[in-house]
Structure formats: C-alpha cells, structure tokens
Amino acid sequence: MPTYEWTPAFGRDWADLTDDQQVRFLIAVRRFVADLEAGGAIRSGLGVRPLHGQRGMPTVYRFTWDEDHDGRATFHYGTEERGLLAHVVWRRIGGHRIYTFP
C-alpha cells in the first residue's frame, strides 16, 4: 500500500472543498492507489501528467479528480517509506487556480 502526506497548502485547500468534492477526490484516489499497487500504468482517466518544473526540484504531477467540475490536485513522489510501493506528497487541491503555486 502506498503511503502519503500532504502539505499545509493542501490542507488549507482541502478545508475549502465541499463534502461532495472531498468524496469525489477520495474515490479517484482509490483508483490511483489501485493502479500503483498493480504496478502498471496509471489509468488515463485520472489525468496524471507531469507539470513543467524547475531543475533540481521533484517532478510535480497534476491529478484530475473531477473533470466536469474542474477538480485538480498536484503531487510529487517522495521517498518511499518502509520499502512500500510509493510515497505520494499531495501539494494542492481545487480547480485550475492551484497551478499558480503547485
């Protein structure tokens, strides 16, 4: 099972989401985790794509959790903990506005 953490910015963004948006995100995360556990490619419907970043920084990815309502999140992979599959660091969540400070 992958591990995760979130940044303070993600926590603030999370608090601004509606209950429905939070549920939609968690459903999409279950799919994402299943793909990570299977060891294959991440399903295309989750819209996981690298964002352009700065050299020397971890690659930041976007994650689409609700295309119809502009649901987006950003994350990067951190150091795997306890030899597990992956460690995901959630950075921001919301709409396109999150890209101003991913």
PDB file of N, CA and C in Angstrom:
ATOM      1  N   MET A   1       0.844  -1.177   0.000  1.00  0.00           N
ATOM      2  CA  MET A   1       0.000   0.000   0.000  1.00  0.00           C
ATOM      3  C   MET A   1       0.890   1.241   0.000  1.00  0.00           C
ATOM      4  N   PRO A   2       0.641   2.175  -0.898  1.00  0.00           N
ATOM      5  CA  PRO A   2       1.405   3.417  -0.904  1.00  0.00           C
ATOM      6  C   PRO A   2       1.135   4.238   0.361  1.00  0.00           C
ATOM      7  N   THR A   3       2.094   5.056   0.716  1.00  0.00           N
ATOM      8  CA  THR A   3       1.915   5.985   1.828  1.00  0.00           C
ATOM      9  C   THR A   3       1.735   7.383   1.254  1.00  0.00           C
ATOM     10  N   TYR A   4       1.306   8.309   2.095  1.00  0.00           N
ATOM     11  CA  TYR A   4       1.096   9.664   1.611  1.00  0.00           C
ATOM     12  C   TYR A   4       1.249  10.655   2.761  1.00  0.00           C
ATOM     13  N   GLU A   5       1.375  11.894   2.357  1.00  0.00           N
ATOM     14  CA  GLU A   5       1.320  13.026   3.280  1.00  0.00           C
ATOM     15  C   GLU A   5       0.788  14.195   2.483  1.00  0.00           C
ATOM     16  N   TRP A   6       0.434  15.263   3.158  1.00  0.00           N
ATOM     17  CA  TRP A   6       0.043  16.453   2.408  1.00  0.00           C
ATOM     18  C   TRP A   6       0.691  17.682   3.003  1.00  0.00           C
ATOM     19  N   THR A   7       0.855  18.654   2.134  1.00  0.00           N
ATOM     20  CA  THR A   7       1.471  19.912   2.539  1.00  0.00           C
ATOM     21  C   THR A   7       0.443  20.770   3.281  1.00  0.00           C
ATOM     22  N   PRO A   8       0.910  21.776   4.012  1.00  0.00           N
ATOM     23  CA  PRO A   8      -0.040  22.697   4.644  1.00  0.00           C
ATOM     24  C   PRO A   8      -0.968  23.367   3.621  1.00  0.00           C
ATOM     25  N   ALA A   9      -0.448  23.684   2.437  1.00  0.00           N
ATOM     26  CA  ALA A   9      -1.286  24.299   1.397  1.00  0.00           C
ATOM     27  C   ALA A   9      -2.414  23.354   0.986  1.00  0.00           C
ATOM     28  N   PHE A  10      -2.105  22.063   0.862  1.00  0.00           N
ATOM     29  CA  PHE A  10      -3.139  21.087   0.526  1.00  0.00           C
ATOM     30  C   PHE A  10      -4.201  21.052   1.629  1.00  0.00           C
ATOM     31  N   GLY A  11      -3.776  21.069   2.868  1.00  0.00           N
ATOM     32  CA  GLY A  11      -4.722  21.058   3.978  1.00  0.00           C
ATOM     33  C   GLY A  11      -5.657  22.254   3.960  1.00  0.00           C
ATOM     34  N   ARG A  12      -5.113  23.426   3.660  1.00  0.00           N
ATOM     35  CA  ARG A  12      -5.963  24.626   3.566  1.00  0.00           C
ATOM     36  C   ARG A  12      -6.933  24.499   2.401  1.00  0.00           C
ATOM     37  N   ASP A  13      -6.421  24.014   1.243  1.00  0.00           N
ATOM     38  CA  ASP A  13      -7.290  23.827   0.080  1.00  0.00           C
ATOM     39  C   ASP A  13      -8.387  22.811   0.375  1.00  0.00           C
ATOM     40  N   TRP A  14      -8.012  21.715   1.045  1.00  0.00           N
ATOM     41  CA  TRP A  14      -8.964  20.648   1.381  1.00  0.00           C
ATOM     42  C   TRP A  14     -10.128  21.210   2.204  1.00  0.00           C
ATOM     43  N   ALA A  15      -9.815  22.061   3.153  1.00  0.00           N
ATOM     44  CA  ALA A  15     -10.849  22.639   4.017  1.00  0.00           C
ATOM     45  C   ALA A  15     -11.831  23.504   3.229  1.00  0.00           C
ATOM     46  N   ASP A  16     -11.402  24.018   2.078  1.00  0.00           N
ATOM     47  CA  ASP A  16     -12.268  24.862   1.250  1.00  0.00           C
ATOM     48  C   ASP A  16     -13.170  24.053   0.313  1.00  0.00           C
ATOM     49  N   LEU A  17     -12.910  22.749   0.177  1.00  0.00           N
ATOM     50  CA  LEU A  17     -13.735  21.921  -0.702  1.00  0.00           C
ATOM     51  C   LEU A  17     -15.068  21.595  -0.036  1.00  0.00           C
ATOM     52  N   THR A  18     -16.074  21.354  -0.867  1.00  0.00           N
ATOM     53  CA  THR A  18     -17.351  20.887  -0.339  1.00  0.00           C
ATOM     54  C   THR A  18     -17.217  19.412   0.034  1.00  0.00           C
ATOM     55  N   ASP A  19     -18.156  18.912   0.806  1.00  0.00           N
ATOM     56  CA  ASP A  19     -18.156  17.486   1.152  1.00  0.00           C
ATOM     57  C   ASP A  19     -18.193  16.627  -0.109  1.00  0.00           C
ATOM     58  N   ASP A  20     -19.014  17.028  -1.087  1.00  0.00           N
ATOM     59  CA  ASP A  20     -19.112  16.279  -2.345  1.00  0.00           C
ATOM     60  C   ASP A  20     -17.772  16.247  -3.073  1.00  0.00           C
ATOM     61  N   GLN A  21     -17.082  17.365  -3.116  1.00  0.00           N
ATOM     62  CA  GLN A  21     -15.771  17.408  -3.780  1.00  0.00           C
ATOM     63  C   GLN A  21     -14.774  16.504  -3.056  1.00  0.00           C
ATOM     64  N   GLN A  22     -14.795  16.501  -1.751  1.00  0.00           N
ATOM     65  CA  GLN A  22     -13.891  15.637  -0.995  1.00  0.00           C
ATOM     66  C   GLN A  22     -14.169  14.170  -1.297  1.00  0.00           C
ATOM     67  N   VAL A  23     -15.437  13.794  -1.367  1.00  0.00           N
ATOM     68  CA  VAL A  23     -15.798  12.408  -1.676  1.00  0.00           C
ATOM     69  C   VAL A  23     -15.319  12.040  -3.074  1.00  0.00           C
ATOM     70  N   ARG A  24     -15.536  12.914  -4.048  1.00  0.00           N
ATOM     71  CA  ARG A  24     -15.098  12.636  -5.428  1.00  0.00           C
ATOM     72  C   ARG A  24     -13.576  12.444  -5.493  1.00  0.00           C
ATOM     73  N   PHE A  25     -12.850  13.270  -4.761  1.00  0.00           N
ATOM     74  CA  PHE A  25     -11.397  13.129  -4.733  1.00  0.00           C
ATOM     75  C   PHE A  25     -10.999  11.770  -4.149  1.00  0.00           C
ATOM     76  N   LEU A  26     -11.603  11.406  -3.028  1.00  0.00           N
ATOM     77  CA  LEU A  26     -11.248  10.143  -2.379  1.00  0.00           C
ATOM     78  C   LEU A  26     -11.577   8.930  -3.255  1.00  0.00           C
ATOM     79  N   ILE A  27     -12.646   9.007  -4.025  1.00  0.00           N
ATOM     80  CA  ILE A  27     -12.972   7.925  -4.959  1.00  0.00           C
ATOM     81  C   ILE A  27     -11.887   7.823  -6.028  1.00  0.00           C
ATOM     82  N   ALA A  28     -11.459   8.970  -6.563  1.00  0.00           N
ATOM     83  CA  ALA A  28     -10.400   8.961  -7.580  1.00  0.00           C
ATOM     84  C   ALA A  28      -9.084   8.459  -6.987  1.00  0.00           C
ATOM     85  N   VAL A  29      -8.799   8.808  -5.733  1.00  0.00           N
ATOM     86  CA  VAL A  29      -7.567   8.351  -5.096  1.00  0.00           C
ATOM     87  C   VAL A  29      -7.572   6.827  -4.952  1.00  0.00           C
ATOM     88  N   ARG A  30      -8.724   6.246  -4.647  1.00  0.00           N
ATOM     89  CA  ARG A  30      -8.800   4.773  -4.578  1.00  0.00           C
ATOM     90  C   ARG A  30      -8.370   4.141  -5.896  1.00  0.00           C
ATOM     91  N   ARG A  31      -8.799   4.734  -7.004  1.00  0.00           N
ATOM     92  CA  ARG A  31      -8.400   4.227  -8.329  1.00  0.00           C
ATOM     93  C   ARG A  31      -6.898   4.393  -8.543  1.00  0.00           C
ATOM     94  N   PHE A  32      -6.386   5.536  -8.142  1.00  0.00           N
ATOM     95  CA  PHE A  32      -4.963   5.829  -8.263  1.00  0.00           C
ATOM     96  C   PHE A  32      -4.134   4.824  -7.456  1.00  0.00           C
ATOM     97  N   VAL A  33      -4.548   4.566  -6.219  1.00  0.00           N
ATOM     98  CA  VAL A  33      -3.846   3.609  -5.359  1.00  0.00           C
ATOM     99  C   VAL A  33      -3.893   2.210  -5.963  1.00  0.00           C
ATOM    100  N   ALA A  34      -5.035   1.833  -6.500  1.00  0.00           N
ATOM    101  CA  ALA A  34      -5.148   0.512  -7.133  1.00  0.00           C
ATOM    102  C   ALA A  34      -4.167   0.383  -8.296  1.00  0.00           C
ATOM    103  N   ASP A  35      -4.021   1.431  -9.074  1.00  0.00           N
ATOM    104  CA  ASP A  35      -3.064   1.408 -10.186  1.00  0.00           C
ATOM    105  C   ASP A  35      -1.633   1.311  -9.674  1.00  0.00           C
ATOM    106  N   LEU A  36      -1.302   2.061  -8.619  1.00  0.00           N
ATOM    107  CA  LEU A  36       0.042   1.986  -8.042  1.00  0.00           C
ATOM    108  C   LEU A  36       0.317   0.581  -7.516  1.00  0.00           C
ATOM    109  N   GLU A  37      -0.659  -0.005  -6.842  1.00  0.00           N
ATOM    110  CA  GLU A  37      -0.478  -1.345  -6.289  1.00  0.00           C
ATOM    111  C   GLU A  37      -0.333  -2.398  -7.375  1.00  0.00           C
ATOM    112  N   ALA A  38      -1.008  -2.200  -8.507  1.00  0.00           N
ATOM    113  CA  ALA A  38      -0.922  -3.147  -9.614  1.00  0.00           C
ATOM    114  C   ALA A  38       0.419  -3.049 -10.343  1.00  0.00           C
ATOM    115  N   GLY A  39       1.124  -1.940 -10.125  1.00  0.00           N
ATOM    116  CA  GLY A  39       2.444  -1.780 -10.721  1.00  0.00           C
ATOM    117  C   GLY A  39       2.438  -1.412 -12.196  1.00  0.00           C
ATOM    118  N   GLY A  40       1.273  -1.147 -12.732  1.00  0.00           N
ATOM    119  CA  GLY A  40       1.180  -0.781 -14.134  1.00  0.00           C
ATOM    120  C   GLY A  40       1.055   0.715 -14.316  1.00  0.00           C
ATOM    121  N   ALA A  41       0.592   1.074 -15.481  1.00  0.00           N
ATOM    122  CA  ALA A  41       0.394   2.485 -15.789  1.00  0.00           C
ATOM    123  C   ALA A  41      -0.815   3.024 -15.019  1.00  0.00           C
ATOM    124  N   ILE A  42      -0.789   4.302 -14.742  1.00  0.00           N
ATOM    125  CA  ILE A  42      -1.923   4.966 -14.110  1.00  0.00           C
ATOM    126  C   ILE A  42      -2.986   5.172 -15.188  1.00  0.00           C
ATOM    127  N   ARG A  43      -4.219   4.781 -14.893  1.00  0.00           N
ATOM    128  CA  ARG A  43      -5.293   4.899 -15.891  1.00  0.00           C
ATOM    129  C   ARG A  43      -5.399   6.326 -16.411  1.00  0.00           C
ATOM    130  N   SER A  44      -5.657   6.448 -17.690  1.00  0.00           N
ATOM    131  CA  SER A  44      -5.667   7.755 -18.346  1.00  0.00           C
ATOM    132  C   SER A  44      -6.777   8.660 -17.826  1.00  0.00           C
ATOM    133  N   GLY A  45      -7.875   8.094 -17.349  1.00  0.00           N
ATOM    134  CA  GLY A  45      -8.980   8.894 -16.854  1.00  0.00           C
ATOM    135  C   GLY A  45      -8.636   9.749 -15.646  1.00  0.00           C
ATOM    136  N   LEU A  46      -7.526   9.453 -14.970  1.00  0.00           N
ATOM    137  CA  LEU A  46      -7.108  10.258 -13.816  1.00  0.00           C
ATOM    138  C   LEU A  46      -6.272  11.462 -14.229  1.00  0.00           C
ATOM    139  N   GLY A  47      -5.919  11.523 -15.487  1.00  0.00           N
ATOM    140  CA  GLY A  47      -5.220  12.701 -15.989  1.00  0.00           C
ATOM    141  C   GLY A  47      -3.897  12.996 -15.319  1.00  0.00           C
ATOM    142  N   VAL A  48      -3.176  11.962 -14.900  1.00  0.00           N
ATOM    143  CA  VAL A  48      -1.879  12.185 -14.249  1.00  0.00           C
ATOM    144  C   VAL A  48      -0.861  12.533 -15.332  1.00  0.00           C
ATOM    145  N   ARG A  49      -0.351  13.747 -15.245  1.00  0.00           N
ATOM    146  CA  ARG A  49       0.626  14.250 -16.207  1.00  0.00           C
ATOM    147  C   ARG A  49       1.648  15.106 -15.463  1.00  0.00           C
ATOM    148  N   PRO A  50       2.909  15.052 -15.901  1.00  0.00           N
ATOM    149  CA  PRO A  50       3.893  15.926 -15.249  1.00  0.00           C
ATOM    150  C   PRO A  50       3.658  17.388 -15.626  1.00  0.00           C
ATOM    151  N   LEU A  51       3.872  18.258 -14.675  1.00  0.00           N
ATOM    152  CA  LEU A  51       3.850  19.695 -14.932  1.00  0.00           C
ATOM    153  C   LEU A  51       5.276  20.132 -15.202  1.00  0.00           C
ATOM    154  N   HIS A  52       5.427  21.190 -15.937  1.00  0.00           N
ATOM    155  CA  HIS A  52       6.765  21.709 -16.175  1.00  0.00           C
ATOM    156  C   HIS A  52       7.294  22.309 -14.885  1.00  0.00           C
ATOM    157  N   GLY A  53       8.499  21.933 -14.531  1.00  0.00           N
ATOM    158  CA  GLY A  53       9.037  22.393 -13.254  1.00  0.00           C
ATOM    159  C   GLY A  53      10.422  22.977 -13.393  1.00  0.00           C
ATOM    160  N   GLN A  54      11.027  23.181 -12.258  1.00  0.00           N
ATOM    161  CA  GLN A  54      12.364  23.733 -12.203  1.00  0.00           C
ATOM    162  C   GLN A  54      13.364  22.610 -12.009  1.00  0.00           C
ATOM    163  N   ARG A  55      14.532  22.797 -12.547  1.00  0.00           N
ATOM    164  CA  ARG A  55      15.589  21.809 -12.362  1.00  0.00           C
ATOM    165  C   ARG A  55      15.952  21.697 -10.892  1.00  0.00           C
ATOM    166  N   GLY A  56      16.252  20.485 -10.474  1.00  0.00           N
ATOM    167  CA  GLY A  56      16.638  20.255  -9.104  1.00  0.00           C
ATOM    168  C   GLY A  56      15.464  20.086  -8.155  1.00  0.00           C
ATOM    169  N   MET A  57      14.249  20.271  -8.647  1.00  0.00           N
ATOM    170  CA  MET A  57      13.048  20.114  -7.833  1.00  0.00           C
ATOM    171  C   MET A  57      12.390  18.792  -8.219  1.00  0.00           C
ATOM    172  N   PRO A  58      11.614  18.189  -7.322  1.00  0.00           N
ATOM    173  CA  PRO A  58      10.915  16.961  -7.708  1.00  0.00           C
ATOM    174  C   PRO A  58       9.908  17.256  -8.810  1.00  0.00           C
ATOM    175  N   THR A  59       9.674  16.279  -9.661  1.00  0.00           N
ATOM    176  CA  THR A  59       8.675  16.440 -10.706  1.00  0.00           C
ATOM    177  C   THR A  59       7.300  16.508 -10.058  1.00  0.00           C
ATOM    178  N   VAL A  60       6.574  17.551 -10.383  1.00  0.00           N
ATOM    179  CA  VAL A  60       5.220  17.732  -9.866  1.00  0.00           C
ATOM    180  C   VAL A  60       4.253  17.243 -10.930  1.00  0.00           C
ATOM    181  N   TYR A  61       3.258  16.498 -10.489  1.00  0.00           N
ATOM    182  CA  TYR A  61       2.258  15.944 -11.390  1.00  0.00           C
ATOM    183  C   TYR A  61       0.899  16.556 -11.098  1.00  0.00           C
ATOM    184  N   ARG A  62       0.079  16.633 -12.127  1.00  0.00           N
ATOM    185  CA  ARG A  62      -1.315  17.011 -11.918  1.00  0.00           C
ATOM    186  C   ARG A  62      -2.124  15.723 -11.848  1.00  0.00           C
ATOM    187  N   PHE A  63      -3.242  15.797 -11.180  1.00  0.00           N
ATOM    188  CA  PHE A  63      -4.137  14.668 -10.972  1.00  0.00           C
ATOM    189  C   PHE A  63      -5.548  15.213 -11.149  1.00  0.00           C
ATOM    190  N   THR A  64      -6.287  14.662 -12.103  1.00  0.00           N
ATOM    191  CA  THR A  64      -7.644  15.132 -12.364  1.00  0.00           C
ATOM    192  C   THR A  64      -8.613  14.256 -11.601  1.00  0.00           C
ATOM    193  N   TRP A  65      -9.359  14.832 -10.697  1.00  0.00           N
ATOM    194  CA  TRP A  65     -10.298  14.033  -9.910  1.00  0.00           C
ATOM    195  C   TRP A  65     -11.746  14.340 -10.210  1.00  0.00           C
ATOM    196  N   ASP A  66     -12.026  15.352 -10.987  1.00  0.00           N
ATOM    197  CA  ASP A  66     -13.408  15.663 -11.332  1.00  0.00           C
ATOM    198  C   ASP A  66     -13.415  16.585 -12.542  1.00  0.00           C
ATOM    199  N   GLU A  67     -13.260  16.007 -13.723  1.00  0.00           N
ATOM    200  CA  GLU A  67     -13.158  16.824 -14.937  1.00  0.00           C
ATOM    201  C   GLU A  67     -14.367  17.726 -15.144  1.00  0.00           C
ATOM    202  N   ASP A  68     -15.554  17.229 -14.840  1.00  0.00           N
ATOM    203  CA  ASP A  68     -16.762  18.015 -15.077  1.00  0.00           C
ATOM    204  C   ASP A  68     -16.821  19.273 -14.218  1.00  0.00           C
ATOM    205  N   HIS A  69     -16.175  19.239 -13.075  1.00  0.00           N
ATOM    206  CA  HIS A  69     -16.222  20.377 -12.160  1.00  0.00           C
ATOM    207  C   HIS A  69     -14.835  20.973 -11.901  1.00  0.00           C
ATOM    208  N   ASP A  70     -13.903  20.734 -12.801  1.00  0.00           N
ATOM    209  CA  ASP A  70     -12.577  21.339 -12.707  1.00  0.00           C
ATOM    210  C   ASP A  70     -11.779  20.865 -11.495  1.00  0.00           C
ATOM    211  N   GLY A  71     -11.973  19.648 -11.048  1.00  0.00           N
ATOM    212  CA  GLY A  71     -11.244  19.139  -9.894  1.00  0.00           C
ATOM    213  C   GLY A  71      -9.829  18.738 -10.255  1.00  0.00           C
ATOM    214  N   ARG A  72      -8.874  19.359  -9.624  1.00  0.00           N
ATOM    215  CA  ARG A  72      -7.466  19.093  -9.878  1.00  0.00           C
ATOM    216  C   ARG A  72      -6.725  18.996  -8.548  1.00  0.00           C
ATOM    217  N   ALA A  73      -5.644  18.229  -8.572  1.00  0.00           N
ATOM    218  CA  ALA A  73      -4.722  18.191  -7.446  1.00  0.00           C
ATOM    219  C   ALA A  73      -3.320  18.100  -8.020  1.00  0.00           C
ATOM    220  N   THR A  74      -2.341  18.498  -7.244  1.00  0.00           N
ATOM    221  CA  THR A  74      -0.945  18.324  -7.642  1.00  0.00           C
ATOM    222  C   THR A  74      -0.238  17.503  -6.571  1.00  0.00           C
ATOM    223  N   PHE A  75       0.768  16.754  -7.013  1.00  0.00           N
ATOM    224  CA  PHE A  75       1.533  15.918  -6.089  1.00  0.00           C
ATOM    225  C   PHE A  75       2.911  15.668  -6.653  1.00  0.00           C
ATOM    226  N   HIS A  76       3.794  15.194  -5.795  1.00  0.00           N
ATOM    227  CA  HIS A  76       5.074  14.656  -6.245  1.00  0.00           C
ATOM    228  C   HIS A  76       5.326  13.380  -5.452  1.00  0.00           C
ATOM    229  N   TYR A  77       6.218  12.573  -5.984  1.00  0.00           N
ATOM    230  CA  TYR A  77       6.590  11.354  -5.284  1.00  0.00           C
ATOM    231  C   TYR A  77       7.710  11.671  -4.312  1.00  0.00           C
ATOM    232  N   GLY A  78       7.538  11.244  -3.076  1.00  0.00           N
ATOM    233  CA  GLY A  78       8.552  11.424  -2.059  1.00  0.00           C
ATOM    234  C   GLY A  78       9.351  10.145  -1.890  1.00  0.00           C
ATOM    235  N   THR A  79      10.163  10.116  -0.851  1.00  0.00           N
ATOM    236  CA  THR A  79      10.968   8.941  -0.546  1.00  0.00           C
ATOM    237  C   THR A  79      10.063   7.832  -0.040  1.00  0.00           C
ATOM    238  N   GLU A  80      10.179   6.669  -0.655  1.00  0.00           N
ATOM    239  CA  GLU A  80       9.358   5.530  -0.236  1.00  0.00           C
ATOM    240  C   GLU A  80       9.654   5.200   1.220  1.00  0.00           C
ATOM    241  N   GLU A  81       8.606   4.914   1.952  1.00  0.00           N
ATOM    242  CA  GLU A  81       8.740   4.586   3.361  1.00  0.00           C
ATOM    243  C   GLU A  81       8.601   3.086   3.567  1.00  0.00           C
ATOM    244  N   ARG A  82       9.457   2.535   4.380  1.00  0.00           N
ATOM    245  CA  ARG A  82       9.380   1.128   4.752  1.00  0.00           C
ATOM    246  C   ARG A  82       9.373   0.193   3.538  1.00  0.00           C
ATOM    247  N   GLY A  83      10.003   0.585   2.446  1.00  0.00           N
ATOM    248  CA  GLY A  83      10.095  -0.277   1.274  1.00  0.00           C
ATOM    249  C   GLY A  83       8.767  -0.512   0.581  1.00  0.00           C
ATOM    250  N   LEU A  84       7.805   0.373   0.786  1.00  0.00           N
ATOM    251  CA  LEU A  84       6.487   0.198   0.185  1.00  0.00           C
ATOM    252  C   LEU A  84       6.476   0.731  -1.240  1.00  0.00           C
ATOM    253  N   LEU A  85       5.338   0.635  -1.881  1.00  0.00           N
ATOM    254  CA  LEU A  85       5.229   0.925  -3.302  1.00  0.00           C
ATOM    255  C   LEU A  85       5.601   2.350  -3.694  1.00  0.00           C
ATOM    256  N   ALA A  86       5.053   3.312  -3.004  1.00  0.00           N
ATOM    257  CA  ALA A  86       5.285   4.709  -3.360  1.00  0.00           C
ATOM    258  C   ALA A  86       4.914   5.581  -2.173  1.00  0.00           C
ATOM    259  N   HIS A  87       5.463   6.762  -2.167  1.00  0.00           N
ATOM    260  CA  HIS A  87       5.075   7.761  -1.178  1.00  0.00           C
ATOM    261  C   HIS A  87       4.643   8.994  -1.951  1.00  0.00           C
ATOM    262  N   VAL A  88       3.394   9.382  -1.801  1.00  0.00           N
ATOM    263  CA  VAL A  88       2.816  10.495  -2.541  1.00  0.00           C
ATOM    264  C   VAL A  88       2.707  11.693  -1.619  1.00  0.00           C
ATOM    265  N   VAL A  89       3.202  12.835  -2.078  1.00  0.00           N
ATOM    266  CA  VAL A  89       3.097  14.080  -1.330  1.00  0.00           C
ATOM    267  C   VAL A  89       2.097  14.971  -2.064  1.00  0.00           C
ATOM    268  N   TRP A  90       0.907  15.094  -1.495  1.00  0.00           N
ATOM    269  CA  TRP A  90      -0.127  15.941  -2.084  1.00  0.00           C
ATOM    270  C   TRP A  90       0.209  17.390  -1.795  1.00  0.00           C
ATOM    271  N   ARG A  91       0.205  18.224  -2.838  1.00  0.00           N
ATOM    272  CA  ARG A  91       0.656  19.606  -2.715  1.00  0.00           C
ATOM    273  C   ARG A  91      -0.477  20.629  -2.692  1.00  0.00           C
ATOM    274  N   ARG A  92      -1.398  20.544  -3.632  1.00  0.00           N
ATOM    275  CA  ARG A  92      -2.530  21.475  -3.742  1.00  0.00           C
ATOM    276  C   ARG A  92      -3.742  20.701  -4.235  1.00  0.00           C
ATOM    277  N   ILE A  93      -4.940  21.233  -4.001  1.00  0.00           N
ATOM    278  CA  ILE A  93      -6.174  20.636  -4.496  1.00  0.00           C
ATOM    279  C   ILE A  93      -7.194  21.741  -4.721  1.00  0.00           C
ATOM    280  N   GLY A  94      -7.975  21.602  -5.777  1.00  0.00           N
ATOM    281  CA  GLY A  94      -9.000  22.596  -6.107  1.00  0.00           C
ATOM    282  C   GLY A  94      -9.220  22.608  -7.603  1.00  0.00           C
ATOM    283  N   GLY A  95      -9.335  23.802  -8.166  1.00  0.00           N
ATOM    284  CA  GLY A  95      -9.505  23.979  -9.608  1.00  0.00           C
ATOM    285  C   GLY A  95      -8.207  24.432 -10.252  1.00  0.00           C
ATOM    286  N   HIS A  96      -8.319  25.008 -11.429  1.00  0.00           N
ATOM    287  CA  HIS A  96      -7.124  25.445 -12.151  1.00  0.00           C
ATOM    288  C   HIS A  96      -6.300  26.475 -11.378  1.00  0.00           C
ATOM    289  N   ARG A  97      -6.904  27.142 -10.415  1.00  0.00           N
ATOM    290  CA  ARG A  97      -6.177  28.168  -9.650  1.00  0.00           C
ATOM    291  C   ARG A  97      -4.972  27.587  -8.899  1.00  0.00           C
ATOM    292  N   ILE A  98      -4.972  26.289  -8.647  1.00  0.00           N
ATOM    293  CA  ILE A  98      -3.877  25.684  -7.895  1.00  0.00           C
ATOM    294  C   ILE A  98      -2.571  25.705  -8.660  1.00  0.00           C
ATOM    295  N   TYR A  99      -2.646  25.900  -9.972  1.00  0.00           N
ATOM    296  CA  TYR A  99      -1.427  25.886 -10.775  1.00  0.00           C
ATOM    297  C   TYR A  99      -0.582  27.141 -10.587  1.00  0.00           C
ATOM    298  N   THR A 100      -1.108  28.143  -9.932  1.00  0.00           N
ATOM    299  CA  THR A 100      -0.310  29.353  -9.690  1.00  0.00           C
ATOM    300  C   THR A 100       0.747  29.100  -8.639  1.00  0.00           C
ATOM    301  N   PHE A 101       0.535  28.081  -7.802  1.00  0.00           N
ATOM    302  CA  PHE A 101       1.514  27.698  -6.778  1.00  0.00           C
ATOM    303  C   PHE A 101       1.359  26.212  -6.528  1.00  0.00           C
ATOM    304  N   PRO A 102       1.892  25.374  -7.470  1.00  0.00           N
ATOM    305  CA  PRO A 102       1.682  23.939  -7.347  1.00  0.00           C
ATOM    306  C   PRO A 102       2.496  23.344  -6.223  1.00  0.00           C
TER     307      PRO A 102
END
